[in-house]
Structure formats: C-alpha cells, structure tokens
C-alpha atoms as a PDB file:
ATOM      1  CA  UNK A   1       0.032  -0.059   0.180  1.00  0.00           C
ATOM      2  CA  UNK A   2       3.037   2.446   0.749  1.00  0.00           C
ATOM      3  CA  UNK A   3       3.328   2.819  -3.314  1.00  0.00           C
ATOM      4  CA  UNK A   4      -0.236   3.932  -3.556  1.00  0.00           C
ATOM      5  CA  UNK A   5       0.385   6.880  -0.908  1.00  0.00           C
ATOM      6  CA  UNK A   6       3.546   7.581  -1.730  1.00  0.00           C
ATOM      7  CA  UNK A   7       2.152   8.132  -5.706  1.00  0.00           C
ATOM      8  CA  UNK A   8      -0.982  10.424  -4.493  1.00  0.00           C
ATOM      9  CA  UNK A   9       1.620  12.738  -2.596  1.00  0.00           C
ATOM     10  CA  UNK A  10       3.831  13.035  -5.607  1.00  0.00           C
ATOM     11  CA  UNK A  11       0.723  13.574  -7.359  1.00  0.00           C
ATOM     12  CA  UNK A  12      -0.901  15.811  -4.948  1.00  0.00           C
ATOM     13  CA  UNK A  13       2.681  17.984  -5.156  1.00  0.00           C
ATOM     14  CA  UNK A  14       2.567  17.832  -8.861  1.00  0.00           C
ATOM     15  CA  UNK A  15       4.528  15.489  -9.838  1.00  0.00           C
ATOM     16  CA  UNK A  16       3.250  12.605 -12.219  1.00  0.00           C
ATOM     17  CA  UNK A  17       3.721   9.158 -11.340  1.00  0.00           C
ATOM     18  CA  UNK A  18       3.066   5.294 -12.622  1.00  0.00           C
ATOM     19  CA  UNK A  19       3.045   2.874 -10.151  1.00  0.00           C
ATOM     20  CA  UNK A  20       3.700  -1.098 -11.410  1.00  0.00           C
ATOM     21  CA  UNK A  21       1.568  -3.790  -9.430  1.00  0.00           C
ATOM     22  CA  UNK A  22       1.263  -7.634  -9.600  1.00  0.00           C
ATOM     23  CA  UNK A  23      -2.399  -8.556 -10.483  1.00  0.00           C
ATOM     24  CA  UNK A  24      -2.635 -10.071  -7.038  1.00  0.00           C
ATOM     25  CA  UNK A  25      -2.647  -6.400  -6.142  1.00  0.00           C
ATOM     26  CA  UNK A  26      -4.533  -4.598  -8.503  1.00  0.00           C
ATOM     27  CA  UNK A  27      -7.735  -4.409  -6.406  1.00  0.00           C
ATOM     28  CA  UNK A  28      -5.755  -2.360  -3.860  1.00  0.00           C
ATOM     29  CA  UNK A  29      -4.429  -0.019  -6.565  1.00  0.00           C
ATOM     30  CA  UNK A  30      -8.123   0.227  -7.510  1.00  0.00           C
ATOM     31  CA  UNK A  31      -9.421   0.777  -3.609  1.00  0.00           C
ATOM     32  CA  UNK A  32      -6.488   3.468  -3.194  1.00  0.00           C
ATOM     33  CA  UNK A  33      -6.963   4.938  -6.393  1.00  0.00           C
ATOM     34  CA  UNK A  34      -3.975   4.826  -7.643  1.00  0.00           C
ATOM     35  CA  UNK A  35      -3.356   7.479  -9.950  1.00  0.00           C
ATOM     36  CA  UNK A  36      -1.840   5.513 -13.005  1.00  0.00           C
ATOM     37  CA  UNK A  37      -0.971   1.906 -12.725  1.00  0.00           C
ATOM     38  CA  UNK A  38       0.220  -0.679 -14.888  1.00  0.00           C
ATOM     39  CA  UNK A  39      -0.574  -4.379 -13.711  1.00  0.00           C
ATOM     40  CA  UNK A  40       1.530  -7.821 -14.925  1.00  0.00           C
ATOM     41  CA  UNK A  41       0.977 -11.044 -14.491  1.00  0.00           C
ATOM     42  CA  UNK A  42       4.433 -11.442 -12.061  1.00  0.00           C
ATOM     43  CA  UNK A  43       4.946 -13.281  -9.065  1.00  0.00           C
ATOM     44  CA  UNK A  44       5.095 -11.333  -6.132  1.00  0.00           C
ATOM     45  CA  UNK A  45       8.746  -9.658  -5.916  1.00  0.00           C
ATOM     46  CA  UNK A  46       9.163  -9.438  -9.174  1.00  0.00           C
ATOM     47  CA  UNK A  47       7.026  -6.777 -10.662  1.00  0.00           C
ATOM     48  CA  UNK A  48       9.068  -6.350 -13.415  1.00  0.00           C
ATOM     49  CA  UNK A  49      10.066  -9.626 -14.480  1.00  0.00           C
ATOM     50  CA  UNK A  50      12.625 -12.237 -14.001  1.00  0.00           C
ATOM     51  CA  UNK A  51      16.162 -11.431 -12.935  1.00  0.00           C
ATOM     52  CA  UNK A  52      17.905 -11.226 -16.124  1.00  0.00           C
ATOM     53  CA  UNK A  53      15.039 -10.943 -18.381  1.00  0.00           C
ATOM     54  CA  UNK A  54      15.873  -7.704 -19.504  1.00  0.00           C
ATOM     55  CA  UNK A  55      13.336  -7.758 -22.811  1.00  0.00           C
ATOM     56  CA  UNK A  56      10.141  -8.497 -20.196  1.00  0.00           C
ATOM     57  CA  UNK A  57      11.877  -6.051 -17.729  1.00  0.00           C
ATOM     58  CA  UNK A  58      12.095  -3.255 -20.779  1.00  0.00           C
ATOM     59  CA  UNK A  59       8.509  -4.038 -21.977  1.00  0.00           C
ATOM     60  CA  UNK A  60       7.252  -3.154 -17.913  1.00  0.00           C
ATOM     61  CA  UNK A  61       9.006   0.195 -18.439  1.00  0.00           C
ATOM     62  CA  UNK A  62       7.680   0.957 -21.684  1.00  0.00           C
ATOM     63  CA  UNK A  63       4.654   0.410 -20.878  1.00  0.00           C
ATOM     64  CA  UNK A  64       4.552   2.310 -17.832  1.00  0.00           C
ATOM     65  CA  UNK A  65       6.209   5.138 -19.651  1.00  0.00           C
ATOM     66  CA  UNK A  66       3.233   4.812 -22.597  1.00  0.00           C
ATOM     67  CA  UNK A  67       0.663   5.034 -19.611  1.00  0.00           C
ATOM     68  CA  UNK A  68       2.145   8.132 -18.370  1.00  0.00           C
ATOM     69  CA  UNK A  69       2.200   9.690 -21.809  1.00  0.00           C
ATOM     70  CA  UNK A  70      -1.519   8.752 -22.728  1.00  0.00           C
ATOM     71  CA  UNK A  71      -3.296   8.907 -19.589  1.00  0.00           C
ATOM     72  CA  UNK A  72      -5.953  11.368 -19.740  1.00  0.00           C
ATOM     73  CA  UNK A  73      -7.407  10.838 -15.855  1.00  0.00           C
ATOM     74  CA  UNK A  74      -6.855   9.694 -12.927  1.00  0.00           C
ATOM     75  CA  UNK A  75      -7.117   5.985 -12.323  1.00  0.00           C
ATOM     76  CA  UNK A  76      -5.680   4.875 -15.549  1.00  0.00           C
ATOM     77  CA  UNK A  77      -5.095   1.302 -15.727  1.00  0.00           C
ATOM     78  CA  UNK A  78      -3.327  -1.153 -18.110  1.00  0.00           C
ATOM     79  CA  UNK A  79      -3.110  -4.602 -17.557  1.00  0.00           C
ATOM     80  CA  UNK A  80      -0.393  -6.411 -19.416  1.00  0.00           C
ATOM     81  CA  UNK A  81      -0.940  -9.692 -20.943  1.00  0.00           C
ATOM     82  CA  UNK A  82       2.246 -11.114 -21.309  1.00  0.00           C
ATOM     83  CA  UNK A  83       2.863 -14.187 -18.741  1.00  0.00           C
ATOM     84  CA  UNK A  84       6.301 -14.435 -16.082  1.00  0.00           C
ATOM     85  CA  UNK A  85       8.642 -15.857 -17.955  1.00  0.00           C
ATOM     86  CA  UNK A  86      10.477 -17.838 -15.530  1.00  0.00           C
ATOM     87  CA  UNK A  87      12.871 -19.855 -17.813  1.00  0.00           C
ATOM     88  CA  UNK A  88      14.907 -16.445 -18.064  1.00  0.00           C
ATOM     89  CA  UNK A  89      16.476 -16.306 -14.908  1.00  0.00           C
ATOM     90  CA  UNK A  90      20.193 -15.825 -15.260  1.00  0.00           C
ATOM     91  CA  UNK A  91      22.712 -14.086 -12.939  1.00  0.00           C
END
C-alpha cells in the first residue's frame, strides 16, 4: 500500500507517477485510487520480470512510460497480458 500513498503524495505535489503492481494486488491499486497503474502477471517480488529478463523488464518500463504519456484521467490502469517467464532467470 505504501506505493499508492507515495504516488498520491507525489501527484499532489504536481509530479506525475505510474505505479507497477502485480495482478494479486490490482484490487489494492483500484481501492486506493492510484493515479496510473501498470499491472503485470508476475509473482510477488518480481514486478518487472525475472532476473536477467531484460526484454521483459524493458517492456514493463515502456508500458509505464506510455501510460504516463497517454493517460487523460486519474485511475488509468493497463494490465499487461504477457505472462511471467521463469525460464529466463540468469545470474
């Protein structure tokens, strides 16, 4: 929930935000009225994707920037359909 509170405070100060949530917490973002949210189908702790999965991490970040650019009203939410790819774990 901290992410939603911080986003709202930044927004109140005139700084636009985009929060990235995993699907399990989508309802939290909706209930809190987070201004802009990207929802992923990833497990908790891997919001942007698997370690080493630069392609997927980039896709999530690009979706966040696109939402920041395109959202016309508060509460905008985009859910990414691509599933988590655990086979890409690399150290």
